[in-house]
């Protein structure tokens, strides 16, 4: 599959500093920030700094360092946001997965009891 990255998507603009965000954590490979429409008390987005459209694109083409740095950011967000009681991680992908922004991102959602994921 070919992936066409749109460098004008909102997350690309956030990474370039063109749009402000409420940063939770940042390292060389990822940026984590609060979701603008939170679905729970904790709702943080973790995005890679590379130009990846989706989870499968990132999984296929990111370097080992990018994978490691991204997962370190996820772990640090979970520590900072104190989701020890549990959380959900979601990566919506393409049309059927209802992906709104064409830049790979993982939602970390928690801070309360969450319902079933799918009915």
C-alpha atoms as a PDB file:
ATOM      1  CA  UNK A   1       0.000   0.000   0.000  1.00  0.00           C
ATOM      2  CA  UNK A   2       1.171   3.507  -0.793  1.00  0.00           C
ATOM      3  CA  UNK A   3       0.727   6.247   1.790  1.00  0.00           C
ATOM      4  CA  UNK A   4       0.311   9.870   0.709  1.00  0.00           C
ATOM      5  CA  UNK A   5       1.080  12.180   3.623  1.00  0.00           C
ATOM      6  CA  UNK A   6      -0.666  15.568   3.675  1.00  0.00           C
ATOM      7  CA  UNK A   7       1.755  17.995   5.335  1.00  0.00           C
ATOM      8  CA  UNK A   8      -1.091  20.497   5.799  1.00  0.00           C
ATOM      9  CA  UNK A   9      -2.985  18.323   8.307  1.00  0.00           C
ATOM     10  CA  UNK A  10      -3.568  19.825  11.741  1.00  0.00           C
ATOM     11  CA  UNK A  11      -1.022  17.594  13.502  1.00  0.00           C
ATOM     12  CA  UNK A  12       1.702  18.517  11.008  1.00  0.00           C
ATOM     13  CA  UNK A  13       0.904  22.166  11.733  1.00  0.00           C
ATOM     14  CA  UNK A  14       1.084  21.495  15.485  1.00  0.00           C
ATOM     15  CA  UNK A  15       4.487  19.819  15.037  1.00  0.00           C
ATOM     16  CA  UNK A  16       5.727  22.862  13.097  1.00  0.00           C
ATOM     17  CA  UNK A  17       4.495  25.182  15.865  1.00  0.00           C
ATOM     18  CA  UNK A  18       1.866  26.825  13.651  1.00  0.00           C
ATOM     19  CA  UNK A  19      -0.995  25.780  15.940  1.00  0.00           C
ATOM     20  CA  UNK A  20      -0.686  25.836  19.749  1.00  0.00           C
ATOM     21  CA  UNK A  21      -1.317  22.786  21.897  1.00  0.00           C
ATOM     22  CA  UNK A  22      -1.291  21.804  25.552  1.00  0.00           C
ATOM     23  CA  UNK A  23       1.812  19.644  25.598  1.00  0.00           C
ATOM     24  CA  UNK A  24       1.882  16.810  28.112  1.00  0.00           C
ATOM     25  CA  UNK A  25       5.196  15.285  27.023  1.00  0.00           C
ATOM     26  CA  UNK A  26       7.712  15.506  24.183  1.00  0.00           C
ATOM     27  CA  UNK A  27      10.845  13.637  23.167  1.00  0.00           C
ATOM     28  CA  UNK A  28      12.883  13.447  19.941  1.00  0.00           C
ATOM     29  CA  UNK A  29      10.363  11.101  18.294  1.00  0.00           C
ATOM     30  CA  UNK A  30       6.904  11.987  19.621  1.00  0.00           C
ATOM     31  CA  UNK A  31       4.699  14.762  20.921  1.00  0.00           C
ATOM     32  CA  UNK A  32       1.851  14.189  23.379  1.00  0.00           C
ATOM     33  CA  UNK A  33      -0.825  16.793  23.988  1.00  0.00           C
ATOM     34  CA  UNK A  34      -4.315  17.133  25.424  1.00  0.00           C
ATOM     35  CA  UNK A  35      -7.208  16.387  23.066  1.00  0.00           C
ATOM     36  CA  UNK A  36      -9.285  19.492  22.269  1.00  0.00           C
ATOM     37  CA  UNK A  37     -12.537  17.508  22.687  1.00  0.00           C
ATOM     38  CA  UNK A  38     -11.774  15.128  25.574  1.00  0.00           C
ATOM     39  CA  UNK A  39     -13.965  12.050  25.949  1.00  0.00           C
ATOM     40  CA  UNK A  40     -12.820  11.352  29.539  1.00  0.00           C
ATOM     41  CA  UNK A  41     -10.927  13.157  32.324  1.00  0.00           C
ATOM     42  CA  UNK A  42      -7.687  11.955  30.691  1.00  0.00           C
ATOM     43  CA  UNK A  43      -7.567  12.215  26.911  1.00  0.00           C
ATOM     44  CA  UNK A  44      -4.111  12.702  25.445  1.00  0.00           C
ATOM     45  CA  UNK A  45      -2.971  12.252  21.866  1.00  0.00           C
ATOM     46  CA  UNK A  46       0.496  10.862  21.181  1.00  0.00           C
ATOM     47  CA  UNK A  47       1.800  11.516  17.674  1.00  0.00           C
ATOM     48  CA  UNK A  48       5.091  10.586  16.026  1.00  0.00           C
ATOM     49  CA  UNK A  49       7.177  13.462  14.722  1.00  0.00           C
ATOM     50  CA  UNK A  50       7.657  11.626  11.421  1.00  0.00           C
ATOM     51  CA  UNK A  51       5.259  11.888   8.479  1.00  0.00           C
ATOM     52  CA  UNK A  52       3.167   8.750   9.001  1.00  0.00           C
ATOM     53  CA  UNK A  53      -0.457   8.557   7.882  1.00  0.00           C
ATOM     54  CA  UNK A  54      -1.647   5.630  10.011  1.00  0.00           C
ATOM     55  CA  UNK A  55      -0.689   2.912  12.484  1.00  0.00           C
ATOM     56  CA  UNK A  56       0.107   0.429   9.699  1.00  0.00           C
ATOM     57  CA  UNK A  57       2.225   3.036   7.888  1.00  0.00           C
ATOM     58  CA  UNK A  58       4.171   3.743  11.101  1.00  0.00           C
ATOM     59  CA  UNK A  59       4.499   0.015  11.862  1.00  0.00           C
ATOM     60  CA  UNK A  60       5.874  -0.689   8.397  1.00  0.00           C
ATOM     61  CA  UNK A  61       8.133   2.289   7.723  1.00  0.00           C
ATOM     62  CA  UNK A  62       9.273   3.850  11.009  1.00  0.00           C
ATOM     63  CA  UNK A  63      12.763   3.062  12.250  1.00  0.00           C
ATOM     64  CA  UNK A  64      13.430   1.062  15.399  1.00  0.00           C
ATOM     65  CA  UNK A  65      14.426   4.319  17.109  1.00  0.00           C
ATOM     66  CA  UNK A  66      11.118   5.938  16.147  1.00  0.00           C
ATOM     67  CA  UNK A  67       9.159   2.934  17.422  1.00  0.00           C
ATOM     68  CA  UNK A  68      11.073   2.932  20.695  1.00  0.00           C
ATOM     69  CA  UNK A  69      10.794   6.704  21.163  1.00  0.00           C
ATOM     70  CA  UNK A  70       7.063   6.647  20.435  1.00  0.00           C
ATOM     71  CA  UNK A  71       6.410   3.861  22.941  1.00  0.00           C
ATOM     72  CA  UNK A  72       8.562   5.626  25.542  1.00  0.00           C
ATOM     73  CA  UNK A  73       6.350   8.678  25.067  1.00  0.00           C
ATOM     74  CA  UNK A  74       3.220   6.550  25.577  1.00  0.00           C
ATOM     75  CA  UNK A  75       4.686   5.129  28.801  1.00  0.00           C
ATOM     76  CA  UNK A  76       5.634   8.585  30.048  1.00  0.00           C
ATOM     77  CA  UNK A  77       2.163   9.979  29.297  1.00  0.00           C
ATOM     78  CA  UNK A  78       0.614   7.130  31.298  1.00  0.00           C
ATOM     79  CA  UNK A  79       2.940   7.927  34.210  1.00  0.00           C
ATOM     80  CA  UNK A  80       2.329  11.684  34.054  1.00  0.00           C
ATOM     81  CA  UNK A  81      -1.451  11.309  33.741  1.00  0.00           C
ATOM     82  CA  UNK A  82      -1.540   8.668  36.515  1.00  0.00           C
ATOM     83  CA  UNK A  83      -3.778   6.163  34.751  1.00  0.00           C
ATOM     84  CA  UNK A  84      -2.692   3.319  37.039  1.00  0.00           C
ATOM     85  CA  UNK A  85      -6.334   2.191  37.448  1.00  0.00           C
ATOM     86  CA  UNK A  86      -6.481   1.599  33.694  1.00  0.00           C
ATOM     87  CA  UNK A  87      -6.810   3.329  30.358  1.00  0.00           C
ATOM     88  CA  UNK A  88      -7.688   2.706  26.748  1.00  0.00           C
ATOM     89  CA  UNK A  89      -5.345   3.263  23.817  1.00  0.00           C
ATOM     90  CA  UNK A  90      -6.994   3.788  20.447  1.00  0.00           C
ATOM     91  CA  UNK A  91      -5.553   4.335  16.977  1.00  0.00           C
ATOM     92  CA  UNK A  92      -8.365   5.003  14.504  1.00  0.00           C
ATOM     93  CA  UNK A  93      -7.312   4.167  10.947  1.00  0.00           C
ATOM     94  CA  UNK A  94      -8.743   5.371   7.632  1.00  0.00           C
ATOM     95  CA  UNK A  95     -12.444   5.625   6.707  1.00  0.00           C
ATOM     96  CA  UNK A  96     -13.850   2.510   8.405  1.00  0.00           C
ATOM     97  CA  UNK A  97     -11.780   3.249  11.514  1.00  0.00           C
ATOM     98  CA  UNK A  98     -13.107   6.835  11.564  1.00  0.00           C
ATOM     99  CA  UNK A  99      -9.668   8.475  11.408  1.00  0.00           C
ATOM    100  CA  UNK A 100     -10.242  12.243  11.374  1.00  0.00           C
ATOM    101  CA  UNK A 101      -6.640  13.455  10.976  1.00  0.00           C
ATOM    102  CA  UNK A 102      -4.380  11.731   8.419  1.00  0.00           C
ATOM    103  CA  UNK A 103      -1.375  11.628  10.755  1.00  0.00           C
ATOM    104  CA  UNK A 104      -0.881   8.541  12.932  1.00  0.00           C
ATOM    105  CA  UNK A 105      -1.962   9.246  16.487  1.00  0.00           C
ATOM    106  CA  UNK A 106      -2.766   7.204  19.550  1.00  0.00           C
ATOM    107  CA  UNK A 107      -5.440   8.297  22.006  1.00  0.00           C
ATOM    108  CA  UNK A 108      -4.700   7.580  25.682  1.00  0.00           C
ATOM    109  CA  UNK A 109      -8.072   7.763  27.437  1.00  0.00           C
ATOM    110  CA  UNK A 110      -8.752   7.175  31.136  1.00  0.00           C
ATOM    111  CA  UNK A 111      -9.427   8.773  34.468  1.00  0.00           C
ATOM    112  CA  UNK A 112     -12.771   7.023  34.921  1.00  0.00           C
ATOM    113  CA  UNK A 113     -14.468   3.698  34.278  1.00  0.00           C
ATOM    114  CA  UNK A 114     -14.874   3.320  30.522  1.00  0.00           C
ATOM    115  CA  UNK A 115     -17.694   1.410  28.865  1.00  0.00           C
ATOM    116  CA  UNK A 116     -17.293  -1.442  26.421  1.00  0.00           C
ATOM    117  CA  UNK A 117     -15.338  -0.513  23.327  1.00  0.00           C
ATOM    118  CA  UNK A 118     -17.770  -1.992  20.784  1.00  0.00           C
ATOM    119  CA  UNK A 119     -21.350  -3.146  21.181  1.00  0.00           C
END
